Amino acid sequence: MASGLEAYVNSTVSIITADGRNFVGTLKGFDQTINVILDESHERVFSTTSGIEQIVLGLHIIRGDNIAVIGQVDETIDTRLEFASIRGEPLGPVVH
């Protein structure tokens, strides 16, 4: 997985953690255990009653053992989304 992440460095990524949180930011680095460093990051909090809340975090480190999924974000599509009007169930924790 680490060698695949090299292509994402300095790109915008979305990370879903094992506890169901969603972080979006610029991947600045990672190590052999997939601990990642995100810059200009924010957490997207989903709700069924209000839009997606974006909590600004700035520089953020996520432990590799808590990461479930990492994916590259298409910034063209992402900037066109109206997060205030999107509703969705919050993600639950990953169950093994």
Protein backbone atom coordinates (compact mmCIF):
# COMPACT_ATOMS: atom_id res chain seq x y z
CA MET A 1 0.00 0.00 0.00
CA ALA A 2 2.82 2.41 0.78
CA SER A 3 4.21 2.34 -2.74
CA GLY A 4 0.74 3.18 -4.08
CA LEU A 5 0.51 6.21 -1.80
CA GLU A 6 3.58 7.82 -3.35
CA ALA A 7 1.46 8.82 -6.34
CA TYR A 8 -0.94 10.70 -4.01
CA VAL A 9 1.67 12.92 -2.31
CA ASN A 10 0.75 16.61 -2.75
CA SER A 11 -2.72 15.57 -4.00
CA THR A 12 -6.04 16.01 -2.23
CA VAL A 13 -7.14 12.76 -0.59
CA SER A 14 -10.09 11.54 1.42
CA ILE A 15 -9.40 9.22 4.35
CA ILE A 16 -12.04 7.15 6.10
CA THR A 17 -10.94 5.90 9.49
CA ALA A 18 -11.88 2.70 11.28
CA ASP A 19 -14.10 4.70 13.64
CA GLY A 20 -16.11 6.13 10.71
CA ARG A 21 -14.64 9.62 10.41
CA ASN A 22 -13.91 11.28 7.04
CA PHE A 23 -10.88 13.54 6.64
CA VAL A 24 -10.00 15.47 3.48
CA GLY A 25 -6.70 17.26 2.89
CA THR A 26 -3.44 17.41 0.98
CA LEU A 27 -1.30 14.33 1.58
CA LYS A 28 2.13 15.62 2.60
CA GLY A 29 3.77 12.40 3.70
CA PHE A 30 3.50 8.92 5.17
CA ASP A 31 5.71 6.28 6.72
CA GLN A 32 6.10 2.50 6.56
CA THR A 33 3.14 1.95 8.91
CA ILE A 34 0.91 4.28 6.82
CA ASN A 35 0.81 7.04 9.42
CA VAL A 36 -0.16 10.00 7.22
CA ILE A 37 0.30 13.77 7.39
CA LEU A 38 -2.47 15.92 5.90
CA ASP A 39 -2.13 19.66 5.32
CA GLU A 40 -5.02 22.10 4.85
CA SER A 41 -7.28 19.36 6.18
CA HIS A 42 -10.83 19.28 7.42
CA GLU A 43 -13.21 16.66 8.77
CA ARG A 44 -16.53 16.16 7.03
CA VAL A 45 -19.33 15.34 9.46
CA PHE A 46 -22.43 13.84 7.85
CA SER A 47 -25.99 14.29 9.14
CA THR A 48 -29.47 13.26 8.04
CA THR A 49 -31.02 16.52 9.26
CA SER A 50 -28.51 19.16 8.18
CA GLY A 51 -25.85 19.44 5.52
CA ILE A 52 -22.29 18.19 5.75
CA GLU A 53 -20.37 20.17 8.34
CA GLN A 54 -16.71 20.79 7.55
CA ILE A 55 -14.49 21.25 10.60
CA VAL A 56 -11.17 22.91 9.72
CA LEU A 57 -8.17 21.09 11.23
CA GLY A 58 -5.14 22.45 9.33
CA LEU A 59 -2.08 20.21 9.66
CA HIS A 60 -3.28 16.81 10.90
CA ILE A 61 -1.65 13.41 11.54
CA ILE A 62 -3.65 10.18 11.30
CA ARG A 63 -2.30 6.91 12.69
CA GLY A 64 -1.98 4.17 10.11
CA ASP A 65 -3.67 1.53 12.26
CA ASN A 66 -6.84 3.67 12.27
CA ILE A 67 -7.06 4.12 8.47
CA ALA A 68 -9.64 2.03 6.60
CA VAL A 69 -9.62 3.68 3.12
CA ILE A 70 -7.53 6.32 1.33
CA GLY A 71 -8.68 7.71 -2.01
CA GLN A 72 -7.76 10.59 -4.28
CA VAL A 73 -10.33 13.40 -4.54
CA ASP A 74 -11.32 14.85 -7.92
CA GLU A 75 -10.98 18.53 -6.99
CA THR A 76 -13.02 19.70 -9.99
CA ILE A 77 -16.07 17.76 -8.82
CA ASP A 78 -15.43 18.43 -5.12
CA THR A 79 -15.44 22.22 -5.54
CA ARG A 80 -18.84 22.10 -7.30
CA LEU A 81 -20.58 20.23 -4.46
CA GLU A 82 -22.96 22.15 -2.19
CA PHE A 83 -22.19 20.50 1.14
CA ALA A 84 -24.95 22.44 2.95
CA SER A 85 -27.60 20.60 0.91
CA ILE A 86 -26.13 17.07 1.05
CA ARG A 87 -27.67 14.75 3.65
CA GLY A 88 -26.35 11.35 4.65
CA GLU A 89 -26.11 8.85 7.46
CA PRO A 90 -22.92 9.18 9.50
CA LEU A 91 -20.56 6.28 8.93
CA GLY A 92 -20.30 3.71 11.68
CA PRO A 93 -17.11 2.04 12.84
CA VAL A 94 -15.49 -0.65 10.70
CA VAL A 95 -16.35 -4.06 12.12
CA HIS A 96 -13.89 -6.90 11.47
